[in-house]
């Protein structure tokens, strides 16, 4: 009889846990990736970052992807460019020097894996795009220096 009394609370906990898990799964499934949800990125954004000025331009979604271009300049001189591709897997980009020579090898690129997304935020592994308003966006980039220290560079961007 004691065995039956102890089993009942444990069974109740298991049933509760399974119910919560099912609710979480339903919530997760309802937020499937749709590139159209990120149409708010479209256009040109300018702001600061890396001790200079940043400009990022995103095109309209086509075939499940969005294309972006970025340039960083300081004291009126181009420091580097980026070509960006956003899709359901995340963001891939290539860096270029001012003379358009690539930082990465021909077939290589930097990749930020998709972690989560909402209507106002794209969370990638090491990178976040967050819409603050129709004209403001914050980009947070996690960087690791040669000593292994991690810091976050924040770009406060405004729509042009």
Foldseek 3Di string as FASTA:
>chain_A
DVVVVVVVVVVVVVVVVVVVVVVVVVVVVVPADDLQLVQLQAAWKWWDWPQFIKIKHWHHDDPQKIWMKMWTDHPPGTAKIKIWIQGQQGIWIWIAGPVRDTPDPPPDTDGWGFDDDDSAWTDTRQWIWGDPDSFWIKIWGWDADPVRDIDIMITIITGD
